[in-house]
Protein backbone atom coordinates (compact mmCIF):
# COMPACT_ATOMS: atom_id res chain seq x y z
CA MET A 1 -22.10 -4.66 -9.44
CA ILE A 2 -18.51 -4.72 -7.82
CA MET A 3 -18.65 -4.51 -4.02
CA SER A 4 -16.09 -3.10 -1.83
CA ARG A 5 -15.11 -6.42 0.15
CA GLY A 6 -12.39 -7.15 2.42
CA SER A 7 -10.73 -5.53 5.62
CA ILE A 8 -7.50 -4.13 6.66
CA SER A 9 -5.23 -4.85 9.95
CA HIS A 10 -5.20 -2.61 12.93
CA SER A 11 -1.57 -2.17 12.32
CA LEU A 12 -1.70 -0.76 9.04
CA ILE A 13 -4.55 1.41 10.26
CA LYS A 14 -2.39 2.79 13.01
CA THR A 15 -0.04 3.94 10.34
CA VAL A 16 -2.75 5.50 8.49
CA LEU A 17 -3.64 7.48 11.60
CA ASP A 18 -0.24 8.32 12.31
CA VAL A 19 0.42 10.15 8.95
CA ALA A 20 -2.91 11.81 9.21
CA GLU A 21 -2.24 13.10 12.68
CA GLN A 22 1.20 14.48 11.31
CA LYS A 23 -0.81 16.44 8.75
CA GLY A 24 -3.04 17.77 11.32
CA ALA A 25 -6.12 15.77 11.57
CA SER A 26 -7.79 15.00 14.84
CA ARG A 27 -6.72 11.51 15.88
CA LEU A 28 -9.51 11.16 18.25
CA LYS A 29 -12.21 12.15 15.99
CA LEU A 30 -10.79 9.58 13.49
CA LEU A 31 -10.90 6.74 16.03
CA SER A 32 -14.33 7.66 16.86
CA PHE A 33 -15.34 7.58 13.13
CA ILE A 34 -14.25 4.07 12.60
CA GLY A 35 -15.39 3.19 16.23
CA LEU A 36 -11.94 2.28 17.67
CA GLU A 37 -10.01 3.20 20.73
CA GLU A 38 -6.36 3.83 20.82
CA GLU A 39 -5.71 0.56 22.83
CA THR A 40 -7.43 -1.57 20.22
CA LEU A 41 -4.90 -0.67 17.61
CA THR A 42 -2.37 -3.02 19.38
CA ASP A 43 -4.77 -5.93 18.59
CA ALA A 44 -2.93 -7.79 15.81
CA SER A 45 -5.98 -9.85 15.15
CA SER A 46 -8.60 -7.21 14.80
CA ARG A 47 -9.55 -5.42 11.55
CA VAL A 48 -11.35 -2.54 10.01
CA SER A 49 -13.58 -3.25 6.89
CA LEU A 50 -13.02 -1.85 3.51
CA LEU A 51 -16.03 0.36 3.47
CA LYS A 52 -14.87 1.97 6.81
CA THR A 53 -11.52 2.38 5.52
CA ILE A 54 -12.66 4.07 2.43
CA GLY A 55 -14.78 6.31 4.51
CA LEU A 56 -11.85 7.06 6.77
CA PHE A 57 -9.62 7.94 3.81
CA GLU A 58 -12.44 10.18 2.60
CA ARG A 59 -12.57 12.08 5.90
CA ILE A 60 -8.72 12.34 6.32
CA ILE A 61 -8.54 13.87 2.72
CA GLU A 62 -11.25 16.24 3.55
CA GLU A 63 -9.63 17.27 6.72
CA THR A 64 -6.15 17.70 5.60
CA ASP A 65 -6.81 18.71 2.00
CA ASP A 66 -4.04 16.18 1.06
CA GLN A 67 -5.33 14.58 -2.18
CA LEU A 68 -2.22 12.32 -2.24
CA PHE A 69 -2.74 11.05 1.37
CA GLY A 70 -2.51 7.38 0.10
CA LEU A 71 0.81 8.05 -1.45
CA HIS A 72 2.18 9.71 1.67
CA VAL A 73 0.86 6.84 3.78
CA GLY A 74 2.58 4.22 1.64
CA GLU A 75 5.93 5.86 1.95
CA SER A 76 5.56 5.91 5.71
CA VAL A 77 5.22 2.11 6.08
CA LYS A 78 7.67 0.34 8.21
CA PRO A 79 7.84 -3.29 9.25
CA GLY A 80 5.66 -2.79 12.24
CA SER A 81 2.81 -1.59 10.00
CA LEU A 82 2.75 -5.06 8.84
CA ASN A 83 2.94 -6.84 12.20
CA ALA A 84 5.08 -9.87 12.20
CA LEU A 85 4.67 -10.25 8.36
CA GLY A 86 6.80 -7.20 8.09
CA TYR A 87 9.93 -8.59 9.79
CA ALA A 88 9.40 -12.12 8.14
CA LEU A 89 9.64 -10.08 4.64
CA MET A 90 13.04 -8.49 5.82
CA SER A 91 14.36 -12.10 6.48
CA SER A 92 13.78 -13.36 2.96
CA GLN A 93 16.64 -14.42 0.87
CA ASN A 94 15.49 -12.18 -2.15
CA VAL A 95 12.77 -10.15 -3.51
CA TYR A 96 11.04 -13.20 -5.14
CA GLU A 97 11.02 -14.98 -1.89
CA ALA A 98 9.55 -11.89 -0.10
CA TYR A 99 6.84 -11.83 -3.01
CA GLN A 100 6.02 -15.39 -2.36
CA LEU A 101 5.64 -14.51 1.50
CA GLN A 102 3.55 -11.66 0.95
CA LYS A 103 1.29 -13.43 -1.46
CA SER A 104 0.89 -16.24 1.06
CA PHE A 105 0.33 -14.21 4.15
CA GLY A 106 -0.40 -10.83 2.93
CA GLY A 107 -4.08 -11.35 3.63
CA VAL A 108 -3.49 -10.92 7.27
CA ILE A 109 -2.72 -7.28 6.65
CA ALA A 110 -5.10 -6.40 3.79
CA ASP A 111 -7.40 -8.92 2.09
CA CYS A 112 -9.03 -6.32 -0.20
CA GLY A 113 -7.08 -7.36 -3.16
CA LYS A 114 -5.08 -10.08 -4.81
CA LEU A 115 -1.38 -9.84 -5.16
CA SER A 116 -0.13 -11.46 -8.52
CA LEU A 117 3.02 -11.22 -10.30
CA ARG A 118 3.31 -11.72 -14.30
CA ARG A 119 6.38 -11.93 -16.31
CA GLU A 120 6.47 -11.05 -19.95
CA GLY A 121 10.01 -11.74 -21.08
CA ALA A 122 12.19 -9.60 -19.05
CA VAL A 123 9.48 -7.34 -17.83
CA CYS A 124 7.54 -8.12 -14.50
CA TYR A 125 4.14 -6.62 -13.42
CA LEU A 126 3.30 -6.79 -9.62
CA ALA A 127 -0.42 -6.03 -9.40
CA PHE A 128 -2.72 -5.39 -6.41
CA THR A 129 -5.86 -3.74 -6.91
CA VAL A 130 -8.68 -2.69 -4.68
CA MET A 131 -11.93 -2.83 -7.03
CA ASN A 132 -14.97 -0.84 -6.69
CA ASP A 133 -17.69 0.21 -9.11
CA ASN A 134 -16.33 3.54 -8.67
CA MET A 135 -12.21 3.07 -9.05
CA GLU A 136 -11.95 7.00 -8.12
CA LEU A 137 -13.23 6.39 -4.68
CA VAL A 138 -10.78 3.71 -3.88
CA GLY A 139 -7.85 5.50 -5.70
CA PRO A 140 -6.32 6.72 -2.49
CA LEU A 141 -6.11 3.06 -1.10
CA ASN A 142 -4.50 1.59 -4.33
CA GLU A 143 -2.02 4.52 -4.24
CA MET A 144 -1.29 3.49 -0.71
CA PHE A 145 -0.54 0.06 -1.67
CA MET A 146 1.51 0.82 -4.68
CA SER A 147 3.48 3.25 -2.69
CA MET A 148 3.75 0.94 0.09
CA PHE A 149 5.03 -2.14 -1.93
CA TRP A 150 7.61 0.04 -3.75
CA LYS A 151 9.03 1.99 -0.70
CA TYR A 152 9.24 -1.11 1.38
CA CYS A 153 10.97 -3.29 -1.24
CA HIS A 154 13.26 -0.24 -1.90
CA TRP A 155 13.98 0.02 1.66
CA ILE A 156 14.55 -3.69 2.44
CA THR A 157 17.09 -3.89 -0.36
CA ARG A 158 18.42 -0.55 0.31
CA GLY A 159 17.72 0.84 -2.89
CA GLY A 160 18.66 -1.90 -5.07
CA GLY A 161 16.40 -1.31 -8.02
CA GLU A 162 14.43 1.03 -10.62
CA LEU A 163 10.83 0.81 -11.55
CA MET A 164 10.18 1.00 -15.38
CA GLY A 165 6.68 2.13 -14.97
CA VAL A 166 3.29 2.26 -12.51
CA ASN A 167 -0.04 1.78 -13.51
CA PHE A 168 -3.16 2.94 -11.81
CA THR A 169 -6.96 2.31 -12.09
CA HIS A 170 -7.81 6.01 -11.57
CA ALA A 171 -7.04 9.58 -12.76
CA PRO A 172 -4.11 11.40 -10.99
CA ARG A 173 -5.35 13.01 -7.90
CA GLY A 174 -2.86 15.68 -7.53
CA ASN A 175 0.60 17.03 -8.72
CA VAL A 176 2.02 14.46 -11.14
CA ARG A 177 5.57 15.58 -9.93
CA GLN A 178 4.65 13.85 -6.41
CA TYR A 179 4.07 10.47 -8.26
CA VAL A 180 7.45 10.84 -10.06
CA ARG A 181 9.28 11.67 -6.77
CA ILE A 182 7.89 8.57 -5.15
CA PHE A 183 8.37 5.99 -7.93
CA GLY A 184 10.88 7.67 -10.26
CA VAL A 185 9.05 7.06 -13.32
CA GLU A 186 6.16 8.40 -15.39
CA HIS A 187 2.61 6.77 -14.76
CA SER A 188 -0.17 5.27 -16.62
CA PHE A 189 -3.65 6.30 -15.21
CA SER A 190 -7.11 5.03 -15.57
CA GLY A 191 -5.98 1.33 -16.47
CA LEU A 192 -7.53 -2.13 -15.65
CA SER A 193 -5.29 -2.79 -12.66
CA CYS A 194 -2.79 -1.09 -10.51
CA SER A 195 0.87 -2.69 -10.77
CA LEU A 196 4.62 -1.94 -10.44
CA VAL A 197 6.51 -2.59 -13.73
CA PHE A 198 10.26 -3.61 -13.23
CA ASP A 199 13.05 -5.65 -14.67
CA SER A 200 12.79 -9.32 -13.75
CA LYS A 201 16.50 -9.25 -12.77
CA TYR A 202 15.43 -7.62 -9.65
CA LEU A 203 13.50 -10.85 -8.42
CA SER A 204 17.13 -12.18 -7.31
CA ALA A 205 18.15 -9.12 -5.56
CA PRO A 206 19.34 -9.99 -2.13
CA LEU A 207 17.93 -8.37 0.90
CA ILE A 208 20.28 -6.72 3.34
CA GLN A 209 18.84 -8.47 6.48
CA THR A 210 18.55 -12.31 5.07
CA ASP A 211 18.18 -14.87 7.73
């Protein structure tokens, strides 16, 4: 049996709640559901368990009827959503250095999956998968992370790259045109892992705010 282990930082949960509120969900009810108060979201060291986060996403999707809520959270992530790590990533020399930083310290934001990078010739696979016996159940979270990684990287390089593909472990949750809008490519569903596929040349792409 695959158990849903791990947790997610309050900073990322705050972004989840921000997007949910924009879509008409009750922020107070959602905070009560996960046992938090607004003031506690500023505590960078505090976290929400993965099991509670899965329940939170289910509640939000039910309340907003947005089956692609995870994708929409991911494309709304900004540096503050990732605490100090978000700003550190912006100051990396290039995409590969940012990846190494994320791999080393990304657990402070979410430790419910393992970030990895695999190269096959000129093609790279950046993978991060939240695992569960029911992969459909964690589909919204996996969509959030794939969308988050892509949009954040696209943003800090000011659009300096294109994807070759995107892989998911679940079935499509809504209009496939929304996936294409966000990632710009066709998708593969119900696979073994979630990953972004891109040309390895982009690993050396410089970041616009190198420090």
